mmCIF file of all heavy atoms, coordinates in Angstrom:
data_MODEL
# 
_entry.id   MODEL 
# 
loop_
_atom_site.group_PDB 
_atom_site.id 
_atom_site.type_symbol 
_atom_site.label_atom_id 
_atom_site.label_alt_id 
_atom_site.label_comp_id 
_atom_site.label_asym_id 
_atom_site.label_entity_id 
_atom_site.label_seq_id 
_atom_site.pdbx_PDB_ins_code 
_atom_site.Cartn_x 
_atom_site.Cartn_y 
_atom_site.Cartn_z 
_atom_site.occupancy 
_atom_site.B_iso_or_equiv 
_atom_site.pdbx_formal_charge 
_atom_site.auth_seq_id 
_atom_site.auth_comp_id 
_atom_site.auth_asym_id 
_atom_site.auth_atom_id 
_atom_site.pdbx_PDB_model_num 
ATOM 1   N N   . PHE A 1 1  ? 43.636 73.682 -0.071 1.00 0.00 ? 1  PHE A N   1 
ATOM 2   C CA  . PHE A 1 1  ? 44.788 74.330 -0.697 1.00 0.00 ? 1  PHE A CA  1 
ATOM 3   C C   . PHE A 1 1  ? 45.731 74.801 0.407  1.00 0.00 ? 1  PHE A C   1 
ATOM 4   O O   . PHE A 1 1  ? 45.315 75.522 1.319  1.00 0.00 ? 1  PHE A O   1 
ATOM 5   C CB  . PHE A 1 1  ? 44.355 75.553 -1.514 1.00 0.00 ? 1  PHE A CB  1 
ATOM 6   C CG  . PHE A 1 1  ? 43.521 75.247 -2.715 1.00 0.00 ? 1  PHE A CG  1 
ATOM 7   C CD1 . PHE A 1 1  ? 42.128 75.246 -2.635 1.00 0.00 ? 1  PHE A CD1 1 
ATOM 8   C CD2 . PHE A 1 1  ? 44.101 74.972 -3.942 1.00 0.00 ? 1  PHE A CD2 1 
ATOM 9   C CE1 . PHE A 1 1  ? 41.353 74.977 -3.749 1.00 0.00 ? 1  PHE A CE1 1 
ATOM 10  C CE2 . PHE A 1 1  ? 43.335 74.698 -5.059 1.00 0.00 ? 1  PHE A CE2 1 
ATOM 11  C CZ  . PHE A 1 1  ? 41.954 74.697 -4.966 1.00 0.00 ? 1  PHE A CZ  1 
ATOM 12  N N   . ASP A 1 2  ? 46.995 74.413 0.342  1.00 0.00 ? 2  ASP A N   1 
ATOM 13  C CA  . ASP A 1 2  ? 48.007 74.973 1.234  1.00 0.00 ? 2  ASP A CA  1 
ATOM 14  C C   . ASP A 1 2  ? 48.672 76.105 0.477  1.00 0.00 ? 2  ASP A C   1 
ATOM 15  O O   . ASP A 1 2  ? 49.298 75.888 -0.583 1.00 0.00 ? 2  ASP A O   1 
ATOM 16  C CB  . ASP A 1 2  ? 49.019 73.909 1.647  1.00 0.00 ? 2  ASP A CB  1 
ATOM 17  C CG  . ASP A 1 2  ? 48.414 72.887 2.602  1.00 0.00 ? 2  ASP A CG  1 
ATOM 18  O OD1 . ASP A 1 2  ? 47.425 73.229 3.281  1.00 0.00 ? 2  ASP A OD1 1 
ATOM 19  O OD2 . ASP A 1 2  ? 48.916 71.751 2.662  1.00 0.00 ? 2  ASP A OD2 1 
ATOM 20  N N   . ILE A 1 3  ? 48.513 77.307 1.013  1.00 0.00 ? 3  ILE A N   1 
ATOM 21  C CA  . ILE A 1 3  ? 48.854 78.525 0.273  1.00 0.00 ? 3  ILE A CA  1 
ATOM 22  C C   . ILE A 1 3  ? 49.824 79.399 1.060  1.00 0.00 ? 3  ILE A C   1 
ATOM 23  O O   . ILE A 1 3  ? 49.646 79.627 2.257  1.00 0.00 ? 3  ILE A O   1 
ATOM 24  C CB  . ILE A 1 3  ? 47.572 79.332 -0.029 1.00 0.00 ? 3  ILE A CB  1 
ATOM 25  C CG1 . ILE A 1 3  ? 46.659 78.543 -0.979 1.00 0.00 ? 3  ILE A CG1 1 
ATOM 26  C CG2 . ILE A 1 3  ? 47.897 80.701 -0.606 1.00 0.00 ? 3  ILE A CG2 1 
ATOM 27  C CD1 . ILE A 1 3  ? 45.325 79.213 -1.237 1.00 0.00 ? 3  ILE A CD1 1 
ATOM 28  N N   . LYS A 1 4  ? 50.841 79.876 0.394  1.00 0.00 ? 4  LYS A N   1 
ATOM 29  C CA  . LYS A 1 4  ? 51.696 80.931 0.922  1.00 0.00 ? 4  LYS A CA  1 
ATOM 30  C C   . LYS A 1 4  ? 51.127 82.257 0.411  1.00 0.00 ? 4  LYS A C   1 
ATOM 31  O O   . LYS A 1 4  ? 50.695 82.346 -0.736 1.00 0.00 ? 4  LYS A O   1 
ATOM 32  C CB  . LYS A 1 4  ? 53.133 80.756 0.439  1.00 0.00 ? 4  LYS A CB  1 
ATOM 33  C CG  . LYS A 1 4  ? 53.820 79.475 0.922  1.00 0.00 ? 4  LYS A CG  1 
ATOM 34  C CD  . LYS A 1 4  ? 54.309 79.608 2.345  1.00 0.00 ? 4  LYS A CD  1 
ATOM 35  C CE  . LYS A 1 4  ? 55.200 78.441 2.728  1.00 0.00 ? 4  LYS A CE  1 
ATOM 36  N NZ  . LYS A 1 4  ? 55.788 78.602 4.078  1.00 0.00 ? 4  LYS A NZ  1 
ATOM 37  N N   . PHE A 1 5  ? 51.160 83.284 1.256  1.00 0.00 ? 5  PHE A N   1 
ATOM 38  C CA  . PHE A 1 5  ? 50.594 84.569 0.830  1.00 0.00 ? 5  PHE A CA  1 
ATOM 39  C C   . PHE A 1 5  ? 51.451 85.739 1.308  1.00 0.00 ? 5  PHE A C   1 
ATOM 40  O O   . PHE A 1 5  ? 52.204 85.619 2.277  1.00 0.00 ? 5  PHE A O   1 
ATOM 41  C CB  . PHE A 1 5  ? 49.144 84.717 1.305  1.00 0.00 ? 5  PHE A CB  1 
ATOM 42  C CG  . PHE A 1 5  ? 48.950 84.618 2.806  1.00 0.00 ? 5  PHE A CG  1 
ATOM 43  C CD1 . PHE A 1 5  ? 48.955 85.755 3.601  1.00 0.00 ? 5  PHE A CD1 1 
ATOM 44  C CD2 . PHE A 1 5  ? 48.747 83.386 3.415  1.00 0.00 ? 5  PHE A CD2 1 
ATOM 45  C CE1 . PHE A 1 5  ? 48.766 85.672 4.976  1.00 0.00 ? 5  PHE A CE1 1 
ATOM 46  C CE2 . PHE A 1 5  ? 48.555 83.284 4.789  1.00 0.00 ? 5  PHE A CE2 1 
ATOM 47  C CZ  . PHE A 1 5  ? 48.565 84.438 5.574  1.00 0.00 ? 5  PHE A CZ  1 
ATOM 48  N N   . ARG A 1 6  ? 51.304 86.867 0.607  1.00 0.00 ? 6  ARG A N   1 
ATOM 49  C CA  . ARG A 1 6  ? 52.166 88.030 0.864  1.00 0.00 ? 6  ARG A CA  1 
ATOM 50  C C   . ARG A 1 6  ? 51.921 88.589 2.267  1.00 0.00 ? 6  ARG A C   1 
ATOM 51  O O   . ARG A 1 6  ? 52.841 88.773 3.056  1.00 0.00 ? 6  ARG A O   1 
ATOM 52  C CB  . ARG A 1 6  ? 51.916 89.115 -0.178 1.00 0.00 ? 6  ARG A CB  1 
ATOM 53  C CG  . ARG A 1 6  ? 52.815 90.356 -0.010 1.00 0.00 ? 6  ARG A CG  1 
ATOM 54  C CD  . ARG A 1 6  ? 52.461 91.463 -0.989 1.00 0.00 ? 6  ARG A CD  1 
ATOM 55  N NE  . ARG A 1 6  ? 52.650 91.046 -2.364 1.00 0.00 ? 6  ARG A NE  1 
ATOM 56  C CZ  . ARG A 1 6  ? 51.683 90.938 -3.284 1.00 0.00 ? 6  ARG A CZ  1 
ATOM 57  N NH1 . ARG A 1 6  ? 50.426 91.189 -2.944 1.00 0.00 ? 6  ARG A NH1 1 
ATOM 58  N NH2 . ARG A 1 6  ? 51.943 90.573 -4.509 1.00 0.00 ? 6  ARG A NH2 1 
ATOM 59  N N   . ASP A 1 7  ? 50.683 88.898 2.576  1.00 0.00 ? 7  ASP A N   1 
ATOM 60  C CA  . ASP A 1 7  ? 50.287 89.410 3.893  1.00 0.00 ? 7  ASP A CA  1 
ATOM 61  C C   . ASP A 1 7  ? 48.787 89.217 4.033  1.00 0.00 ? 7  ASP A C   1 
ATOM 62  O O   . ASP A 1 7  ? 48.103 88.857 3.071  1.00 0.00 ? 7  ASP A O   1 
ATOM 63  C CB  . ASP A 1 7  ? 50.687 90.887 4.078  1.00 0.00 ? 7  ASP A CB  1 
ATOM 64  C CG  . ASP A 1 7  ? 50.192 91.778 2.939  1.00 0.00 ? 7  ASP A CG  1 
ATOM 65  O OD1 . ASP A 1 7  ? 48.983 91.738 2.623  1.00 0.00 ? 7  ASP A OD1 1 
ATOM 66  O OD2 . ASP A 1 7  ? 51.018 92.505 2.358  1.00 0.00 ? 7  ASP A OD2 1 
ATOM 67  N N   . ILE A 1 8  ? 48.265 89.453 5.222  1.00 0.00 ? 8  ILE A N   1 
ATOM 68  C CA  . ILE A 1 8  ? 46.864 89.138 5.482  1.00 0.00 ? 8  ILE A CA  1 
ATOM 69  C C   . ILE A 1 8  ? 45.913 90.006 4.649  1.00 0.00 ? 8  ILE A C   1 
ATOM 70  O O   . ILE A 1 8  ? 44.849 89.542 4.218  1.00 0.00 ? 8  ILE A O   1 
ATOM 71  C CB  . ILE A 1 8  ? 46.542 89.262 6.991  1.00 0.00 ? 8  ILE A CB  1 
ATOM 72  C CG1 . ILE A 1 8  ? 45.228 88.531 7.324  1.00 0.00 ? 8  ILE A CG1 1 
ATOM 73  C CG2 . ILE A 1 8  ? 46.535 90.702 7.444  1.00 0.00 ? 8  ILE A CG2 1 
ATOM 74  C CD1 . ILE A 1 8  ? 45.274 87.038 7.146  1.00 0.00 ? 8  ILE A CD1 1 
ATOM 75  N N   . ALA A 1 9  ? 46.308 91.250 4.373  1.00 0.00 ? 9  ALA A N   1 
ATOM 76  C CA  . ALA A 1 9  ? 45.465 92.114 3.548  1.00 0.00 ? 9  ALA A CA  1 
ATOM 77  C C   . ALA A 1 9  ? 45.387 91.580 2.117  1.00 0.00 ? 9  ALA A C   1 
ATOM 78  O O   . ALA A 1 9  ? 44.309 91.559 1.503  1.00 0.00 ? 9  ALA A O   1 
ATOM 79  C CB  . ALA A 1 9  ? 46.003 93.549 3.553  1.00 0.00 ? 9  ALA A CB  1 
ATOM 80  N N   . SER A 1 10 ? 46.519 91.137 1.584  1.00 0.00 ? 10 SER A N   1 
ATOM 81  C CA  . SER A 1 10 ? 46.532 90.564 0.232  1.00 0.00 ? 10 SER A CA  1 
ATOM 82  C C   . SER A 1 10 ? 45.705 89.286 0.181  1.00 0.00 ? 10 SER A C   1 
ATOM 83  O O   . SER A 1 10 ? 44.990 89.031 -0.789 1.00 0.00 ? 10 SER A O   1 
ATOM 84  C CB  . SER A 1 10 ? 47.972 90.264 -0.200 1.00 0.00 ? 10 SER A CB  1 
ATOM 85  O OG  . SER A 1 10 ? 48.747 91.438 -0.241 1.00 0.00 ? 10 SER A OG  1 
ATOM 86  N N   . LEU A 1 11 ? 45.812 88.447 1.229  1.00 0.00 ? 11 LEU A N   1 
ATOM 87  C CA  . LEU A 1 11 ? 45.023 87.220 1.280  1.00 0.00 ? 11 LEU A CA  1 
ATOM 88  C C   . LEU A 1 11 ? 43.540 87.547 1.202  1.00 0.00 ? 11 LEU A C   1 
ATOM 89  O O   . LEU A 1 11 ? 42.788 86.910 0.450  1.00 0.00 ? 11 LEU A O   1 
ATOM 90  C CB  . LEU A 1 11 ? 45.328 86.448 2.565  1.00 0.00 ? 11 LEU A CB  1 
ATOM 91  C CG  . LEU A 1 11 ? 44.541 85.146 2.775  1.00 0.00 ? 11 LEU A CG  1 
ATOM 92  C CD1 . LEU A 1 11 ? 44.951 84.103 1.748  1.00 0.00 ? 11 LEU A CD1 1 
ATOM 93  C CD2 . LEU A 1 11 ? 44.741 84.608 4.195  1.00 0.00 ? 11 LEU A CD2 1 
ATOM 94  N N   . GLN A 1 12 ? 43.100 88.519 1.945  1.00 0.00 ? 12 GLN A N   1 
ATOM 95  C CA  . GLN A 1 12 ? 41.687 88.896 1.948  1.00 0.00 ? 12 GLN A CA  1 
ATOM 96  C C   . GLN A 1 12 ? 41.224 89.396 0.579  1.00 0.00 ? 12 GLN A C   1 
ATOM 97  O O   . GLN A 1 12 ? 40.058 89.239 0.214  1.00 0.00 ? 12 GLN A O   1 
ATOM 98  C CB  . GLN A 1 12 ? 41.423 89.969 3.007  1.00 0.00 ? 12 GLN A CB  1 
ATOM 99  C CG  . GLN A 1 12 ? 41.520 89.439 4.432  1.00 0.00 ? 12 GLN A CG  1 
ATOM 100 C CD  . GLN A 1 12 ? 41.179 90.503 5.453  1.00 0.00 ? 12 GLN A CD  1 
ATOM 101 O OE1 . GLN A 1 12 ? 41.946 91.440 5.677  1.00 0.00 ? 12 GLN A OE1 1 
ATOM 102 N NE2 . GLN A 1 12 ? 40.021 90.366 6.061  1.00 0.00 ? 12 GLN A NE2 1 
ATOM 103 N N   . GLN A 1 13 ? 42.162 89.967 -0.166 1.00 0.00 ? 13 GLN A N   1 
ATOM 104 C CA  . GLN A 1 13 ? 41.833 90.465 -1.507 1.00 0.00 ? 13 GLN A CA  1 
ATOM 105 C C   . GLN A 1 13 ? 41.973 89.387 -2.577 1.00 0.00 ? 13 GLN A C   1 
ATOM 106 O O   . GLN A 1 13 ? 41.666 89.629 -3.748 1.00 0.00 ? 13 GLN A O   1 
ATOM 107 C CB  . GLN A 1 13 ? 42.740 91.651 -1.857 1.00 0.00 ? 13 GLN A CB  1 
ATOM 108 C CG  . GLN A 1 13 ? 42.559 92.861 -0.964 1.00 0.00 ? 13 GLN A CG  1 
ATOM 109 C CD  . GLN A 1 13 ? 43.675 93.881 -1.121 1.00 0.00 ? 13 GLN A CD  1 
ATOM 110 O OE1 . GLN A 1 13 ? 44.473 93.811 -2.057 1.00 0.00 ? 13 GLN A OE1 1 
ATOM 111 N NE2 . GLN A 1 13 ? 43.749 94.831 -0.205 1.00 0.00 ? 13 GLN A NE2 1 
ATOM 112 N N   . GLY A 1 14 ? 42.450 88.213 -2.184 1.00 0.00 ? 14 GLY A N   1 
ATOM 113 C CA  . GLY A 1 14 ? 42.680 87.152 -3.154 1.00 0.00 ? 14 GLY A CA  1 
ATOM 114 C C   . GLY A 1 14 ? 43.879 87.437 -4.036 1.00 0.00 ? 14 GLY A C   1 
ATOM 115 O O   . GLY A 1 14 ? 43.969 86.943 -5.163 1.00 0.00 ? 14 GLY A O   1 
ATOM 116 N N   . LYS A 1 15 ? 44.851 88.186 -3.517 1.00 0.00 ? 15 LYS A N   1 
ATOM 117 C CA  . LYS A 1 15 ? 46.038 88.558 -4.288 1.00 0.00 ? 15 LYS A CA  1 
ATOM 118 C C   . LYS A 1 15 ? 47.295 88.063 -3.577 1.00 0.00 ? 15 LYS A C   1 
ATOM 119 O O   . LYS A 1 15 ? 47.276 87.777 -2.388 1.00 0.00 ? 15 LYS A O   1 
ATOM 120 C CB  . LYS A 1 15 ? 46.107 90.077 -4.454 1.00 0.00 ? 15 LYS A CB  1 
ATOM 121 C CG  . LYS A 1 15 ? 44.929 90.677 -5.215 1.00 0.00 ? 15 LYS A CG  1 
ATOM 122 C CD  . LYS A 1 15 ? 45.055 92.191 -5.291 1.00 0.00 ? 15 LYS A CD  1 
ATOM 123 C CE  . LYS A 1 15 ? 43.883 92.800 -6.057 1.00 0.00 ? 15 LYS A CE  1 
ATOM 124 N NZ  . LYS A 1 15 ? 43.964 94.283 -6.120 1.00 0.00 ? 15 LYS A NZ  1 
ATOM 125 N N   . GLY A 1 16 ? 48.403 87.976 -4.326 1.00 0.00 ? 16 GLY A N   1 
ATOM 126 C CA  . GLY A 1 16 ? 49.669 87.565 -3.735 1.00 0.00 ? 16 GLY A CA  1 
ATOM 127 C C   . GLY A 1 16 ? 49.609 86.166 -3.164 1.00 0.00 ? 16 GLY A C   1 
ATOM 128 O O   . GLY A 1 16 ? 50.081 85.932 -2.042 1.00 0.00 ? 16 GLY A O   1 
ATOM 129 N N   . LEU A 1 17 ? 49.047 85.212 -3.932 1.00 0.00 ? 17 LEU A N   1 
ATOM 130 C CA  . LEU A 1 17 ? 48.884 83.834 -3.468 1.00 0.00 ? 17 LEU A CA  1 
ATOM 131 C C   . LEU A 1 17 ? 49.836 82.901 -4.215 1.00 0.00 ? 17 LEU A C   1 
ATOM 132 O O   . LEU A 1 17 ? 50.071 83.068 -5.405 1.00 0.00 ? 17 LEU A O   1 
ATOM 133 C CB  . LEU A 1 17 ? 47.444 83.359 -3.693 1.00 0.00 ? 17 LEU A CB  1 
ATOM 134 C CG  . LEU A 1 17 ? 46.307 84.251 -3.175 1.00 0.00 ? 17 LEU A CG  1 
ATOM 135 C CD1 . LEU A 1 17 ? 44.964 83.609 -3.503 1.00 0.00 ? 17 LEU A CD1 1 
ATOM 136 C CD2 . LEU A 1 17 ? 46.446 84.494 -1.679 1.00 0.00 ? 17 LEU A CD2 1 
ATOM 137 N N   . CYS A 1 18 ? 50.344 81.906 -3.504 1.00 0.00 ? 18 CYS A N   1 
ATOM 138 C CA  . CYS A 1 18 ? 51.211 80.893 -4.109 1.00 0.00 ? 18 CYS A CA  1 
ATOM 139 C C   . CYS A 1 18 ? 50.840 79.537 -3.517 1.00 0.00 ? 18 CYS A C   1 
ATOM 140 O O   . CYS A 1 18 ? 51.042 79.297 -2.318 1.00 0.00 ? 18 CYS A O   1 
ATOM 141 C CB  . CYS A 1 18 ? 52.679 81.216 -3.835 1.00 0.00 ? 18 CYS A CB  1 
ATOM 142 S SG  . CYS A 1 18 ? 53.839 80.009 -4.544 1.00 0.00 ? 18 CYS A SG  1 
ATOM 143 N N   . ILE A 1 19 ? 50.283 78.656 -4.332 1.00 0.00 ? 19 ILE A N   1 
ATOM 144 C CA  . ILE A 1 19 ? 49.844 77.339 -3.866 1.00 0.00 ? 19 ILE A CA  1 
ATOM 145 C C   . ILE A 1 19 ? 51.042 76.384 -3.827 1.00 0.00 ? 19 ILE A C   1 
ATOM 146 O O   . ILE A 1 19 ? 51.748 76.222 -4.815 1.00 0.00 ? 19 ILE A O   1 
ATOM 147 C CB  . ILE A 1 19 ? 48.762 76.768 -4.800 1.00 0.00 ? 19 ILE A CB  1 
ATOM 148 C CG1 . ILE A 1 19 ? 47.521 77.670 -4.770 1.00 0.00 ? 19 ILE A CG1 1 
ATOM 149 C CG2 . ILE A 1 19 ? 48.385 75.339 -4.409 1.00 0.00 ? 19 ILE A CG2 1 
ATOM 150 C CD1 . ILE A 1 19 ? 46.489 77.326 -5.833 1.00 0.00 ? 19 ILE A CD1 1 
ATOM 151 N N   . VAL A 1 20 ? 51.253 75.746 -2.676 1.00 0.00 ? 20 VAL A N   1 
ATOM 152 C CA  . VAL A 1 20 ? 52.359 74.798 -2.550 1.00 0.00 ? 20 VAL A CA  1 
ATOM 153 C C   . VAL A 1 20 ? 51.873 73.346 -2.531 1.00 0.00 ? 20 VAL A C   1 
ATOM 154 O O   . VAL A 1 20 ? 52.635 72.430 -2.838 1.00 0.00 ? 20 VAL A O   1 
ATOM 155 C CB  . VAL A 1 20 ? 53.221 75.100 -1.306 1.00 0.00 ? 20 VAL A CB  1 
ATOM 156 C CG1 . VAL A 1 20 ? 53.933 76.430 -1.479 1.00 0.00 ? 20 VAL A CG1 1 
ATOM 157 C CG2 . VAL A 1 20 ? 52.391 75.100 -0.026 1.00 0.00 ? 20 VAL A CG2 1 
ATOM 158 N N   . GLU A 1 21 ? 50.602 73.124 -2.150 1.00 0.00 ? 21 GLU A N   1 
ATOM 159 C CA  . GLU A 1 21 ? 50.035 71.781 -2.200 1.00 0.00 ? 21 GLU A CA  1 
ATOM 160 C C   . GLU A 1 21 ? 48.517 71.860 -2.382 1.00 0.00 ? 21 GLU A C   1 
ATOM 161 O O   . GLU A 1 21 ? 47.884 72.826 -1.959 1.00 0.00 ? 21 GLU A O   1 
ATOM 162 C CB  . GLU A 1 21 ? 50.356 70.969 -0.936 1.00 0.00 ? 21 GLU A CB  1 
ATOM 163 C CG  . GLU A 1 21 ? 51.769 70.435 -0.891 1.00 0.00 ? 21 GLU A CG  1 
ATOM 164 C CD  . GLU A 1 21 ? 51.930 69.254 0.064  1.00 0.00 ? 21 GLU A CD  1 
ATOM 165 O OE1 . GLU A 1 21 ? 50.916 68.629 0.422  1.00 0.00 ? 21 GLU A OE1 1 
ATOM 166 O OE2 . GLU A 1 21 ? 53.083 68.971 0.428  1.00 0.00 ? 21 GLU A OE2 1 
ATOM 167 N N   . ILE A 1 22 ? 47.968 70.812 -3.002 1.00 0.00 ? 22 ILE A N   1 
ATOM 168 C CA  . ILE A 1 22 ? 46.522 70.661 -3.134 1.00 0.00 ? 22 ILE A CA  1 
ATOM 169 C C   . ILE A 1 22 ? 46.183 69.275 -2.606 1.00 0.00 ? 22 ILE A C   1 
ATOM 170 O O   . ILE A 1 22 ? 46.669 68.269 -3.110 1.00 0.00 ? 22 ILE A O   1 
ATOM 171 C CB  . ILE A 1 22 ? 46.059 70.799 -4.595 1.00 0.00 ? 22 ILE A CB  1 
ATOM 172 C CG1 . ILE A 1 22 ? 46.514 72.146 -5.173 1.00 0.00 ? 22 ILE A CG1 1 
ATOM 173 C CG2 . ILE A 1 22 ? 44.535 70.660 -4.700 1.00 0.00 ? 22 ILE A CG2 1 
ATOM 174 C CD1 . ILE A 1 22 ? 46.285 72.275 -6.669 1.00 0.00 ? 22 ILE A CD1 1 
ATOM 175 N N   . ASN A 1 23 ? 45.364 69.232 -1.558 1.00 0.00 ? 23 ASN A N   1 
ATOM 176 C CA  . ASN A 1 23 ? 45.046 67.978 -0.884 1.00 0.00 ? 23 ASN A CA  1 
ATOM 177 C C   . ASN A 1 23 ? 43.593 67.596 -1.137 1.00 0.00 ? 23 ASN A C   1 
ATOM 178 O O   . ASN A 1 23 ? 42.713 68.454 -1.161 1.00 0.00 ? 23 ASN A O   1 
ATOM 179 C CB  . ASN A 1 23 ? 45.286 68.129 0.616  1.00 0.00 ? 23 ASN A CB  1 
ATOM 180 C CG  . ASN A 1 23 ? 46.690 68.609 0.931  1.00 0.00 ? 23 ASN A CG  1 
ATOM 181 O OD1 . ASN A 1 23 ? 47.618 67.829 0.969  1.00 0.00 ? 23 ASN A OD1 1 
ATOM 182 N ND2 . ASN A 1 23 ? 46.850 69.914 1.123  1.00 0.00 ? 23 ASN A ND2 1 
ATOM 183 N N   . GLY A 1 24 ? 43.350 66.304 -1.288 1.00 0.00 ? 24 GLY A N   1 
ATOM 184 C CA  . GLY A 1 24 ? 42.026 65.833 -1.661 1.00 0.00 ? 24 GLY A CA  1 
ATOM 185 C C   . GLY A 1 24 ? 41.137 65.420 -0.504 1.00 0.00 ? 24 GLY A C   1 
ATOM 186 O O   . GLY A 1 24 ? 41.120 66.042 0.561  1.00 0.00 ? 24 GLY A O   1 
ATOM 187 N N   . ALA A 1 25 ? 40.420 64.309 -0.695 1.00 0.00 ? 25 ALA A N   1 
ATOM 188 C CA  . ALA A 1 25 ? 39.314 63.935 0.176  1.00 0.00 ? 25 ALA A CA  1 
ATOM 189 C C   . ALA A 1 25 ? 39.720 63.624 1.610  1.00 0.00 ? 25 ALA A C   1 
ATOM 190 O O   . ALA A 1 25 ? 38.904 63.751 2.520  1.00 0.00 ? 25 ALA A O   1 
ATOM 191 C CB  . ALA A 1 25 ? 38.573 62.738 -0.422 1.00 0.00 ? 25 ALA A CB  1 
ATOM 192 N N   . SER A 1 26 ? 40.953 63.221 1.852  1.00 0.00 ? 26 SER A N   1 
ATOM 193 C CA  . SER A 1 26 ? 41.339 62.866 3.221  1.00 0.00 ? 26 SER A CA  1 
ATOM 194 C C   . SER A 1 26 ? 41.943 64.039 3.985  1.00 0.00 ? 26 SER A C   1 
ATOM 195 O O   . SER A 1 26 ? 42.350 63.887 5.136  1.00 0.00 ? 26 SER A O   1 
ATOM 196 C CB  . SER A 1 26 ? 42.350 61.716 3.210  1.00 0.00 ? 26 SER A CB  1 
ATOM 197 O OG  . SER A 1 26 ? 43.552 62.112 2.567  1.00 0.00 ? 26 SER A OG  1 
ATOM 198 N N   . SER A 1 27 ? 41.990 65.207 3.375  1.00 0.00 ? 27 SER A N   1 
ATOM 199 C CA  . SER A 1 27 ? 42.614 66.354 4.043  1.00 0.00 ? 27 SER A CA  1 
ATOM 200 C C   . SER A 1 27 ? 41.724 66.884 5.168  1.00 0.00 ? 27 SER A C   1 
ATOM 201 O O   . SER A 1 27 ? 40.507 66.680 5.185  1.00 0.00 ? 27 SER A O   1 
ATOM 202 C CB  . SER A 1 27 ? 42.920 67.458 3.035  1.00 0.00 ? 27 SER A CB  1 
ATOM 203 O OG  . SER A 1 27 ? 41.772 67.812 2.301  1.00 0.00 ? 27 SER A OG  1 
ATOM 204 N N   . GLU A 1 28 ? 42.365 67.592 6.093  1.00 0.00 ? 28 GLU A N   1 
ATOM 205 C CA  . GLU A 1 28 ? 41.667 68.119 7.261  1.00 0.00 ? 28 GLU A CA  1 
ATOM 206 C C   . GLU A 1 28 ? 41.546 69.640 7.173  1.00 0.00 ? 28 GLU A C   1 
ATOM 207 O O   . GLU A 1 28 ? 42.447 70.310 6.672  1.00 0.00 ? 28 GLU A O   1 
ATOM 208 C CB  . GLU A 1 28 ? 42.440 67.786 8.541  1.00 0.00 ? 28 GLU A CB  1 
ATOM 209 C CG  . GLU A 1 28 ? 42.709 66.319 8.755  1.00 0.00 ? 28 GLU A CG  1 
ATOM 210 C CD  . GLU A 1 28 ? 43.731 66.066 9.847  1.00 0.00 ? 28 GLU A CD  1 
ATOM 211 O OE1 . GLU A 1 28 ? 44.304 67.052 10.376 1.00 0.00 ? 28 GLU A OE1 1 
ATOM 212 O OE2 . GLU A 1 28 ? 43.956 64.895 10.173 1.00 0.00 ? 28 GLU A OE2 1 
ATOM 213 N N   . PRO A 1 29 ? 40.460 70.206 7.694  1.00 0.00 ? 29 PRO A N   1 
ATOM 214 C CA  . PRO A 1 29 ? 40.398 71.662 7.857  1.00 0.00 ? 29 PRO A CA  1 
ATOM 215 C C   . PRO A 1 29 ? 41.409 72.059 8.927  1.00 0.00 ? 29 PRO A C   1 
ATOM 216 O O   . PRO A 1 29 ? 41.330 71.585 10.064 1.00 0.00 ? 29 PRO A O   1 
ATOM 217 C CB  . PRO A 1 29 ? 38.955 71.917 8.323  1.00 0.00 ? 29 PRO A CB  1 
ATOM 218 C CG  . PRO A 1 29 ? 38.213 70.646 8.071  1.00 0.00 ? 29 PRO A CG  1 
ATOM 219 C CD  . PRO A 1 29 ? 39.224 69.549 8.152  1.00 0.00 ? 29 PRO A CD  1 
# 
């Protein structure tokens, strides 16, 4: 998941997330 997020604290809480892309089997970590 390529995700935009509000700030690092919100990311850790699983809040303030906005997905811009979802990549499948050929995607890289």
